[in-house]
Amino acid sequence: MRTTPDGRRIPPAHADERAMLESWLDFQRATLALKCAGLDDREIRLPAVEPSRMTLLGLIRHMAEVERNWFQKVFAGTDIPWLYGDDSDSGFALDPGRGIDTALAEWRAEVARGRELTADASLEDSGTLPDRDAAVLGDKSVSLRWILIHLIEEYARHNGHADLLRERIDGTTGV
């Protein structure tokens, strides 16, 4: 498999749908990790601009919550608590005692658990949404295909934020 100069695996130009979706999701995950690489605890906590509280550390925590929600709660129907309290802050609020190493380990564990839960599933298999989300979508269930596409979109959107945060911290730009 081909890689970018920074080591991320490039999704294949031709593959079946499942391989394509999973490859693009992994590429987006690797991009977020790359944006955090080499930063110290102070830098990883720097917000974008006033009044935003968004930080790279908060993005990692948020995506751990997103992974947990879509794969464990929605797809697998597991009744587990949120990683960082209730879902009102979605992981963006920071804890002075929990830094990037802890957040990355928690995020990676959520990614691994999601892979386990979906490894033998069909793209047509569905999970059940909470009533609040079902009311917005207009359906009580979503397919694994929908979840994978949504996560690609979620990561891509937040990777745009991560680009700007990293550029503000040390001038690093690029994909």
N, C-alpha and C. Protein backbone atom coordinates (compact mmCIF):
# COMPACT_ATOMS: atom_id res chain seq x y z
N MET A 1 0.83 -1.18 0.00
CA MET A 1 0.00 0.00 0.00
C MET A 1 0.88 1.24 0.00
N ARG A 2 0.47 2.22 -0.75
CA ARG A 2 1.22 3.48 -0.85
C ARG A 2 0.96 4.35 0.37
N THR A 3 1.95 5.18 0.69
CA THR A 3 1.80 6.09 1.82
C THR A 3 2.15 7.52 1.41
N THR A 4 1.64 8.45 2.18
CA THR A 4 2.02 9.86 2.01
C THR A 4 3.43 10.02 2.56
N PRO A 5 4.11 11.13 2.26
CA PRO A 5 5.46 11.35 2.81
C PRO A 5 5.50 11.29 4.34
N ASP A 6 4.39 11.61 5.00
CA ASP A 6 4.37 11.57 6.47
C ASP A 6 3.98 10.20 7.02
N GLY A 7 3.76 9.21 6.13
CA GLY A 7 3.52 7.84 6.56
C GLY A 7 2.08 7.37 6.62
N ARG A 8 1.13 8.25 6.32
CA ARG A 8 -0.27 7.79 6.33
C ARG A 8 -0.54 6.94 5.10
N ARG A 9 -1.31 5.87 5.28
CA ARG A 9 -1.66 4.99 4.16
C ARG A 9 -2.67 5.69 3.26
N ILE A 10 -2.38 5.70 1.97
CA ILE A 10 -3.27 6.31 0.99
C ILE A 10 -4.37 5.30 0.65
N PRO A 11 -5.63 5.71 0.74
CA PRO A 11 -6.71 4.79 0.38
C PRO A 11 -6.55 4.33 -1.07
N PRO A 12 -6.93 3.08 -1.35
CA PRO A 12 -6.76 2.54 -2.70
C PRO A 12 -7.64 3.27 -3.71
N ALA A 13 -7.15 3.35 -4.93
CA ALA A 13 -7.93 3.98 -6.00
C ALA A 13 -9.07 3.08 -6.45
N HIS A 14 -8.90 1.79 -6.27
CA HIS A 14 -9.93 0.81 -6.66
C HIS A 14 -10.02 -0.24 -5.57
N ALA A 15 -11.21 -0.42 -5.03
CA ALA A 15 -11.44 -1.44 -4.00
C ALA A 15 -12.94 -1.63 -3.85
N ASP A 16 -13.32 -2.68 -3.13
CA ASP A 16 -14.75 -2.84 -2.87
C ASP A 16 -15.20 -1.76 -1.89
N GLU A 17 -16.49 -1.62 -1.76
CA GLU A 17 -17.04 -0.53 -0.96
C GLU A 17 -16.56 -0.57 0.49
N ARG A 18 -16.57 -1.70 1.12
CA ARG A 18 -16.17 -1.81 2.52
C ARG A 18 -14.71 -1.40 2.70
N ALA A 19 -13.84 -1.92 1.85
CA ALA A 19 -12.42 -1.57 1.93
C ALA A 19 -12.20 -0.08 1.70
N MET A 20 -12.95 0.50 0.77
CA MET A 20 -12.82 1.92 0.48
C MET A 20 -13.25 2.76 1.68
N LEU A 21 -14.40 2.44 2.25
CA LEU A 21 -14.90 3.20 3.41
C LEU A 21 -13.94 3.10 4.59
N GLU A 22 -13.51 1.89 4.89
CA GLU A 22 -12.61 1.71 6.03
C GLU A 22 -11.26 2.38 5.80
N SER A 23 -10.77 2.35 4.56
CA SER A 23 -9.48 3.00 4.24
C SER A 23 -9.57 4.51 4.42
N TRP A 24 -10.65 5.10 3.94
CA TRP A 24 -10.81 6.55 4.09
C TRP A 24 -11.01 6.94 5.54
N LEU A 25 -11.72 6.14 6.30
CA LEU A 25 -11.88 6.44 7.72
C LEU A 25 -10.53 6.35 8.42
N ASP A 26 -9.75 5.32 8.14
CA ASP A 26 -8.43 5.21 8.74
C ASP A 26 -7.51 6.36 8.33
N PHE A 27 -7.61 6.81 7.10
CA PHE A 27 -6.81 7.95 6.65
C PHE A 27 -7.17 9.20 7.44
N GLN A 28 -8.46 9.42 7.65
CA GLN A 28 -8.88 10.59 8.42
C GLN A 28 -8.43 10.49 9.88
N ARG A 29 -8.50 9.29 10.45
CA ARG A 29 -8.02 9.08 11.82
C ARG A 29 -6.52 9.39 11.91
N ALA A 30 -5.76 8.88 10.95
CA ALA A 30 -4.31 9.11 10.94
C ALA A 30 -3.99 10.60 10.78
N THR A 31 -4.81 11.30 10.04
CA THR A 31 -4.60 12.74 9.85
C THR A 31 -4.75 13.48 11.18
N LEU A 32 -5.78 13.14 11.94
CA LEU A 32 -5.96 13.79 13.24
C LEU A 32 -4.79 13.50 14.16
N ALA A 33 -4.33 12.27 14.21
CA ALA A 33 -3.18 11.92 15.06
C ALA A 33 -1.94 12.70 14.62
N LEU A 34 -1.75 12.82 13.32
CA LEU A 34 -0.60 13.56 12.78
C LEU A 34 -0.62 15.02 13.23
N LYS A 35 -1.80 15.63 13.26
CA LYS A 35 -1.91 17.04 13.65
C LYS A 35 -1.50 17.26 15.10
N CYS A 36 -1.54 16.21 15.91
CA CYS A 36 -1.18 16.32 17.32
C CYS A 36 0.26 15.90 17.60
N ALA A 37 0.90 15.29 16.65
CA ALA A 37 2.23 14.73 16.85
C ALA A 37 3.27 15.81 17.17
N GLY A 38 4.10 15.51 18.16
CA GLY A 38 5.23 16.37 18.49
C GLY A 38 4.90 17.61 19.31
N LEU A 39 3.68 17.73 19.78
CA LEU A 39 3.31 18.90 20.57
C LEU A 39 3.38 18.59 22.06
N ASP A 40 3.73 19.58 22.86
CA ASP A 40 3.77 19.38 24.31
C ASP A 40 2.40 19.67 24.92
N ASP A 41 2.29 19.45 26.22
CA ASP A 41 1.00 19.58 26.90
C ASP A 41 0.43 21.00 26.80
N ARG A 42 1.28 22.00 26.87
CA ARG A 42 0.79 23.38 26.75
C ARG A 42 0.25 23.64 25.34
N GLU A 43 0.99 23.21 24.33
CA GLU A 43 0.60 23.47 22.94
C GLU A 43 -0.70 22.75 22.58
N ILE A 44 -0.85 21.52 23.02
CA ILE A 44 -2.01 20.71 22.67
C ILE A 44 -3.29 21.27 23.27
N ARG A 45 -3.14 22.15 24.26
CA ARG A 45 -4.28 22.76 24.94
C ARG A 45 -4.59 24.17 24.46
N LEU A 46 -3.83 24.69 23.50
CA LEU A 46 -4.07 26.06 23.03
C LEU A 46 -5.34 26.13 22.20
N PRO A 47 -6.26 27.04 22.56
CA PRO A 47 -7.49 27.17 21.78
C PRO A 47 -7.24 27.90 20.46
N ALA A 48 -8.19 27.75 19.56
CA ALA A 48 -8.08 28.37 18.24
C ALA A 48 -8.09 29.89 18.37
N VAL A 49 -9.22 30.44 18.61
CA VAL A 49 -9.40 31.89 18.76
C VAL A 49 -10.54 32.14 19.74
N GLU A 50 -10.47 33.26 20.42
CA GLU A 50 -11.56 33.64 21.32
C GLU A 50 -12.84 33.76 20.52
N PRO A 51 -13.99 33.37 20.97
CA PRO A 51 -14.27 32.77 22.27
C PRO A 51 -14.22 31.24 22.23
N SER A 52 -13.76 30.66 21.15
CA SER A 52 -13.74 29.19 21.03
C SER A 52 -12.83 28.57 22.08
N ARG A 53 -13.26 27.43 22.61
CA ARG A 53 -12.45 26.64 23.54
C ARG A 53 -11.86 25.43 22.82
N MET A 54 -12.05 25.33 21.49
CA MET A 54 -11.59 24.16 20.76
C MET A 54 -10.07 24.07 20.78
N THR A 55 -9.57 22.87 21.11
CA THR A 55 -8.15 22.58 21.14
C THR A 55 -7.90 21.25 20.45
N LEU A 56 -6.66 20.97 20.11
CA LEU A 56 -6.33 19.66 19.54
C LEU A 56 -6.60 18.55 20.56
N LEU A 57 -6.29 18.79 21.82
CA LEU A 57 -6.59 17.80 22.85
C LEU A 57 -8.10 17.56 22.93
N GLY A 58 -8.87 18.63 22.87
CA GLY A 58 -10.32 18.50 22.90
C GLY A 58 -10.85 17.74 21.69
N LEU A 59 -10.23 17.94 20.52
CA LEU A 59 -10.66 17.20 19.33
C LEU A 59 -10.41 15.70 19.48
N ILE A 60 -9.28 15.33 20.04
CA ILE A 60 -9.00 13.90 20.26
C ILE A 60 -10.03 13.33 21.22
N ARG A 61 -10.29 14.04 22.30
CA ARG A 61 -11.28 13.57 23.28
C ARG A 61 -12.67 13.48 22.63
N HIS A 62 -13.02 14.48 21.85
CA HIS A 62 -14.32 14.49 21.18
C HIS A 62 -14.45 13.29 20.25
N MET A 63 -13.41 13.01 19.46
CA MET A 63 -13.50 11.89 18.52
C MET A 63 -13.51 10.55 19.24
N ALA A 64 -12.93 10.46 20.43
CA ALA A 64 -13.07 9.24 21.23
C ALA A 64 -14.54 9.05 21.60
N GLU A 65 -15.21 10.13 21.99
CA GLU A 65 -16.64 10.06 22.31
C GLU A 65 -17.46 9.70 21.08
N VAL A 66 -17.11 10.27 19.93
CA VAL A 66 -17.82 9.99 18.68
C VAL A 66 -17.68 8.51 18.32
N GLU A 67 -16.47 7.99 18.38
CA GLU A 67 -16.24 6.57 18.10
C GLU A 67 -17.07 5.69 19.05
N ARG A 68 -17.02 6.02 20.33
CA ARG A 68 -17.76 5.24 21.33
C ARG A 68 -19.26 5.29 21.04
N ASN A 69 -19.76 6.48 20.76
CA ASN A 69 -21.19 6.63 20.52
C ASN A 69 -21.65 5.81 19.32
N TRP A 70 -21.01 5.99 18.17
CA TRP A 70 -21.51 5.37 16.94
C TRP A 70 -21.29 3.87 16.88
N PHE A 71 -20.15 3.40 17.37
CA PHE A 71 -19.90 1.96 17.26
C PHE A 71 -20.44 1.18 18.46
N GLN A 72 -20.20 1.66 19.66
CA GLN A 72 -20.64 0.89 20.83
C GLN A 72 -22.09 1.16 21.20
N LYS A 73 -22.46 2.42 21.28
CA LYS A 73 -23.82 2.74 21.73
C LYS A 73 -24.85 2.51 20.62
N VAL A 74 -24.64 3.11 19.45
CA VAL A 74 -25.64 3.01 18.38
C VAL A 74 -25.57 1.66 17.68
N PHE A 75 -24.41 1.31 17.12
CA PHE A 75 -24.34 0.10 16.32
C PHE A 75 -24.50 -1.17 17.16
N ALA A 76 -23.75 -1.28 18.25
CA ALA A 76 -23.79 -2.50 19.05
C ALA A 76 -24.88 -2.48 20.12
N GLY A 77 -25.45 -1.30 20.37
CA GLY A 77 -26.51 -1.20 21.37
C GLY A 77 -26.03 -1.41 22.79
N THR A 78 -24.76 -1.14 23.04
CA THR A 78 -24.19 -1.31 24.37
C THR A 78 -24.55 -0.13 25.26
N ASP A 79 -24.96 -0.42 26.48
CA ASP A 79 -25.30 0.63 27.44
C ASP A 79 -24.06 0.92 28.29
N ILE A 80 -23.25 1.85 27.81
CA ILE A 80 -22.03 2.22 28.52
C ILE A 80 -22.03 3.72 28.75
N PRO A 81 -21.31 4.18 29.76
CA PRO A 81 -21.27 5.64 30.00
C PRO A 81 -20.38 6.35 28.99
N TRP A 82 -20.54 7.65 28.94
CA TRP A 82 -19.64 8.48 28.14
C TRP A 82 -18.26 8.43 28.79
N LEU A 83 -17.23 8.63 28.03
CA LEU A 83 -15.87 8.65 28.55
C LEU A 83 -15.64 9.82 29.49
N TYR A 84 -16.19 10.97 29.14
CA TYR A 84 -15.88 12.22 29.84
C TYR A 84 -17.12 12.84 30.47
N GLY A 85 -17.96 12.06 31.07
CA GLY A 85 -19.18 12.58 31.68
C GLY A 85 -20.33 12.45 30.72
N ASP A 86 -21.32 13.34 30.83
CA ASP A 86 -22.45 13.27 29.89
C ASP A 86 -22.02 13.82 28.54
N ASP A 87 -22.93 13.75 27.57
CA ASP A 87 -22.55 14.16 26.21
C ASP A 87 -22.72 15.65 25.96
N SER A 88 -22.93 16.46 27.01
CA SER A 88 -23.18 17.88 26.80
C SER A 88 -21.97 18.64 26.25
N ASP A 89 -20.76 18.23 26.64
CA ASP A 89 -19.59 18.92 26.08
C ASP A 89 -18.88 18.09 25.03
N SER A 90 -19.34 16.88 24.81
CA SER A 90 -18.82 15.98 23.77
C SER A 90 -17.31 15.76 23.84
N GLY A 91 -16.73 15.90 25.03
CA GLY A 91 -15.30 15.66 25.19
C GLY A 91 -14.43 16.89 25.02
N PHE A 92 -15.01 18.02 24.65
CA PHE A 92 -14.19 19.21 24.39
C PHE A 92 -13.64 19.86 25.66
N ALA A 93 -14.33 19.75 26.80
CA ALA A 93 -13.83 20.34 28.04
C ALA A 93 -12.57 19.58 28.47
N LEU A 94 -11.59 20.31 28.96
CA LEU A 94 -10.31 19.69 29.30
C LEU A 94 -10.14 19.52 30.79
N ASP A 95 -9.41 18.48 31.16
CA ASP A 95 -9.08 18.17 32.54
C ASP A 95 -7.58 18.40 32.68
N PRO A 96 -7.17 19.25 33.63
CA PRO A 96 -5.73 19.54 33.78
C PRO A 96 -4.88 18.30 34.02
N GLY A 97 -5.47 17.27 34.64
CA GLY A 97 -4.70 16.07 34.96
C GLY A 97 -4.65 15.03 33.86
N ARG A 98 -5.34 15.26 32.76
CA ARG A 98 -5.37 14.27 31.67
C ARG A 98 -4.85 14.93 30.40
N GLY A 99 -3.68 14.49 29.97
CA GLY A 99 -3.03 15.08 28.82
C GLY A 99 -3.20 14.26 27.55
N ILE A 100 -2.37 14.57 26.58
CA ILE A 100 -2.50 14.00 25.25
C ILE A 100 -2.22 12.50 25.24
N ASP A 101 -1.28 12.01 26.03
CA ASP A 101 -0.98 10.58 26.02
C ASP A 101 -2.19 9.77 26.47
N THR A 102 -2.84 10.23 27.52
CA THR A 102 -4.05 9.55 28.01
C THR A 102 -5.16 9.64 26.98
N ALA A 103 -5.36 10.83 26.42
CA ALA A 103 -6.43 11.03 25.44
C ALA A 103 -6.20 10.17 24.20
N LEU A 104 -4.97 10.11 23.71
CA LEU A 104 -4.68 9.28 22.53
C LEU A 104 -4.90 7.81 22.83
N ALA A 105 -4.52 7.36 24.03
CA ALA A 105 -4.73 5.95 24.39
C ALA A 105 -6.23 5.64 24.45
N GLU A 106 -7.01 6.54 25.04
CA GLU A 106 -8.46 6.33 25.11
C GLU A 106 -9.08 6.33 23.72
N TRP A 107 -8.66 7.26 22.87
CA TRP A 107 -9.17 7.34 21.50
C TRP A 107 -8.81 6.07 20.72
N ARG A 108 -7.57 5.64 20.82
CA ARG A 108 -7.15 4.43 20.10
C ARG A 108 -7.90 3.20 20.59
N ALA A 109 -8.19 3.14 21.87
CA ALA A 109 -8.97 2.02 22.41
C ALA A 109 -10.39 2.03 21.83
N GLU A 110 -10.98 3.21 21.69
CA GLU A 110 -12.32 3.31 21.10
C GLU A 110 -12.30 2.90 19.63
N VAL A 111 -11.27 3.31 18.90
CA VAL A 111 -11.13 2.92 17.49
C VAL A 111 -11.02 1.39 17.40
N ALA A 112 -10.18 0.80 18.23
CA ALA A 112 -10.00 -0.66 18.21
C ALA A 112 -11.30 -1.38 18.55
N ARG A 113 -12.03 -0.87 19.54
CA ARG A 113 -13.29 -1.51 19.92
C ARG A 113 -14.30 -1.42 18.78
N GLY A 114 -14.36 -0.27 18.11
CA GLY A 114 -15.26 -0.13 16.96
C GLY A 114 -14.92 -1.11 15.86
N ARG A 115 -13.65 -1.30 15.60
CA ARG A 115 -13.24 -2.28 14.58
C ARG A 115 -13.68 -3.69 14.96
N GLU A 116 -13.52 -4.03 16.23
CA GLU A 116 -13.94 -5.35 16.70
C GLU A 116 -15.44 -5.55 16.50
N LEU A 117 -16.22 -4.55 16.87
CA LEU A 117 -17.67 -4.67 16.82
C LEU A 117 -18.22 -4.75 15.39
N THR A 118 -17.48 -4.23 14.43
CA THR A 118 -17.97 -4.20 13.06
C THR A 118 -17.26 -5.17 12.13
N ALA A 119 -16.26 -5.86 12.62
CA ALA A 119 -15.43 -6.72 11.76
C ALA A 119 -16.24 -7.72 10.95
N ASP A 120 -17.22 -8.35 11.56
CA ASP A 120 -18.00 -9.38 10.87
C ASP A 120 -19.36 -8.88 10.41
N ALA A 121 -19.59 -7.60 10.53
CA ALA A 121 -20.90 -7.03 10.18
C ALA A 121 -20.97 -6.69 8.70
N SER A 122 -22.17 -6.71 8.19
CA SER A 122 -22.44 -6.27 6.82
C SER A 122 -22.67 -4.77 6.83
N LEU A 123 -22.41 -4.12 5.71
CA LEU A 123 -22.69 -2.69 5.60
C LEU A 123 -24.18 -2.40 5.76
N GLU A 124 -25.01 -3.41 5.55
CA GLU A 124 -26.46 -3.24 5.68
C GLU A 124 -26.95 -3.44 7.11
N ASP A 125 -26.11 -4.02 7.98
CA ASP A 125 -26.51 -4.20 9.38
C ASP A 125 -26.76 -2.83 9.99
N SER A 126 -27.71 -2.78 10.92
CA SER A 126 -28.12 -1.50 11.48
C SER A 126 -27.96 -1.43 12.98
N GLY A 127 -27.85 -0.20 13.45
CA GLY A 127 -27.87 0.11 14.87
C GLY A 127 -29.05 1.02 15.15
N THR A 128 -29.38 1.15 16.42
CA THR A 128 -30.54 1.92 16.82
C THR A 128 -30.13 3.26 17.41
N LEU A 129 -30.76 4.30 16.91
CA LEU A 129 -30.48 5.66 17.39
C LEU A 129 -31.28 5.99 18.64
N PRO A 130 -30.74 6.85 19.50
CA PRO A 130 -31.56 7.37 20.59
C PRO A 130 -32.68 8.23 20.01
N ASP A 131 -33.76 8.37 20.74
CA ASP A 131 -34.93 9.10 20.24
C ASP A 131 -34.58 10.50 19.73
N ARG A 132 -33.72 11.20 20.44
CA ARG A 132 -33.33 12.57 20.04
C ARG A 132 -32.74 12.59 18.63
N ASP A 133 -31.83 11.66 18.35
CA ASP A 133 -31.19 11.60 17.03
C ASP A 133 -32.14 11.05 15.97
N ALA A 134 -32.97 10.10 16.36
CA ALA A 134 -33.95 9.52 15.43
C ALA A 134 -34.92 10.59 14.94
N ALA A 135 -35.29 11.51 15.82
CA ALA A 135 -36.21 12.58 15.44
C ALA A 135 -35.57 13.49 14.38
N VAL A 136 -34.28 13.74 14.49
CA VAL A 136 -33.58 14.58 13.51
C VAL A 136 -33.45 13.86 12.18
N LEU A 137 -33.05 12.60 12.22
CA LEU A 137 -32.82 11.82 11.00
C LEU A 137 -34.12 11.37 10.34
N GLY A 138 -35.15 11.18 11.16
CA GLY A 138 -36.42 10.69 10.61
C GLY A 138 -36.47 9.18 10.50
N ASP A 139 -35.58 8.50 11.20
CA ASP A 139 -35.54 7.04 11.20
C ASP A 139 -34.92 6.60 12.50
N LYS A 140 -35.36 5.48 13.02
CA LYS A 140 -34.86 4.97 14.30
C LYS A 140 -33.56 4.19 14.15
N SER A 141 -33.21 3.80 12.92
CA SER A 141 -31.99 3.02 12.76
C SER A 141 -31.13 3.58 11.63
N VAL A 142 -29.85 3.23 11.69
CA VAL A 142 -28.90 3.61 10.64
C VAL A 142 -28.04 2.39 10.32
N SER A 143 -27.66 2.27 9.06
CA SER A 143 -26.82 1.15 8.64
C SER A 143 -25.36 1.41 9.00
N LEU A 144 -24.58 0.35 9.03
CA LEU A 144 -23.14 0.50 9.24
C LEU A 144 -22.55 1.37 8.13
N ARG A 145 -23.05 1.23 6.93
CA ARG A 145 -22.59 2.08 5.81
C ARG A 145 -22.77 3.57 6.17
N TRP A 146 -23.96 3.91 6.67
CA TRP A 146 -24.26 5.30 7.06
C TRP A 146 -23.29 5.76 8.15
N ILE A 147 -23.05 4.90 9.13
CA ILE A 147 -22.16 5.25 10.24
C ILE A 147 -20.74 5.50 9.73
N LEU A 148 -20.23 4.64 8.87
CA LEU A 148 -18.87 4.82 8.34
C LEU A 148 -18.77 6.12 7.54
N ILE A 149 -19.74 6.39 6.71
CA ILE A 149 -19.72 7.63 5.94
C ILE A 149 -19.80 8.84 6.87
N HIS A 150 -20.67 8.75 7.87
CA HIS A 150 -20.78 9.86 8.82
C HIS A 150 -19.47 10.10 9.55
N LEU A 151 -18.79 9.03 9.97
CA LEU A 151 -17.52 9.22 10.66
C LEU A 151 -16.45 9.81 9.75
N ILE A 152 -16.41 9.42 8.50
CA ILE A 152 -15.48 10.04 7.55
C ILE A 152 -15.74 11.54 7.49
N GLU A 153 -17.01 11.90 7.39
CA GLU A 153 -17.40 13.32 7.34
C GLU A 153 -17.03 14.02 8.64
N GLU A 154 -17.29 13.40 9.76
CA GLU A 154 -17.00 14.01 11.07
C GLU A 154 -15.50 14.25 11.23
N TYR A 155 -14.70 13.26 10.91
CA TYR A 155 -13.25 13.44 10.99
C TYR A 155 -12.77 14.51 10.01
N ALA A 156 -13.25 14.48 8.78
CA ALA A 156 -12.79 15.45 7.78
C ALA A 156 -13.10 16.88 8.23
N ARG A 157 -14.29 17.08 8.78
CA ARG A 157 -14.66 18.41 9.26
C ARG A 157 -13.74 18.85 10.39
N HIS A 158 -13.51 17.95 11.35
CA HIS A 158 -12.66 18.31 12.48
C HIS A 158 -11.18 18.37 12.09
N ASN A 159 -10.77 17.64 11.07
CA ASN A 159 -9.40 17.77 10.60
C ASN A 159 -9.15 19.15 10.01
N GLY A 160 -10.18 19.76 9.44
CA GLY A 160 -10.05 21.16 9.01
C GLY A 160 -9.78 22.07 10.20
N HIS A 161 -10.50 21.82 11.30
CA HIS A 161 -10.24 22.59 12.52
C HIS A 161 -8.81 22.32 13.00
N ALA A 162 -8.41 21.05 12.98
CA ALA A 162 -7.07 20.68 13.44
C ALA A 162 -5.99 21.35 12.60
N ASP A 163 -6.22 21.48 11.29
CA ASP A 163 -5.26 22.19 10.43
C ASP A 163 -5.03 23.60 10.94
N LEU A 164 -6.12 24.30 11.24
CA LEU A 164 -6.01 25.69 11.68
C LEU A 164 -5.39 25.79 13.07
N LEU A 165 -5.76 24.87 13.96
CA LEU A 165 -5.17 24.87 15.29
C LEU A 165 -3.66 24.65 15.22
N ARG A 166 -3.24 23.66 14.45
CA ARG A 166 -1.81 23.35 14.35
C ARG A 166 -1.05 24.51 13.71
N GLU A 167 -1.63 25.12 12.70
CA GLU A 167 -0.95 26.26 12.07
C GLU A 167 -0.77 27.40 13.07
N ARG A 168 -1.77 27.62 13.91
CA ARG A 168 -1.66 28.68 14.92
C ARG A 168 -0.60 28.34 15.95
N ILE A 169 -0.45 27.08 16.30
CA ILE A 169 0.50 26.68 17.32
C ILE A 169 1.94 26.84 16.86
N ASP A 170 2.27 26.27 15.70
CA ASP A 170 3.69 26.29 15.28
C ASP A 170 3.91 26.53 13.79
N GLY A 171 2.85 26.91 13.08
CA GLY A 171 3.01 27.22 11.66
C GLY A 171 2.96 26.02 10.73
N THR A 172 2.82 24.82 11.28
CA THR A 172 2.76 23.62 10.44
C THR A 172 1.48 23.60 9.63
N THR A 173 1.62 23.42 8.34
CA THR A 173 0.46 23.33 7.44
C THR A 173 0.58 22.08 6.58
N GLY A 174 -0.49 21.80 5.86
CA GLY A 174 -0.47 20.65 4.94
C GLY A 174 -1.50 19.64 5.31
N VAL A 175 -1.60 18.62 4.45
CA VAL A 175 -2.60 17.58 4.66
C VAL A 175 -2.16 16.56 5.67
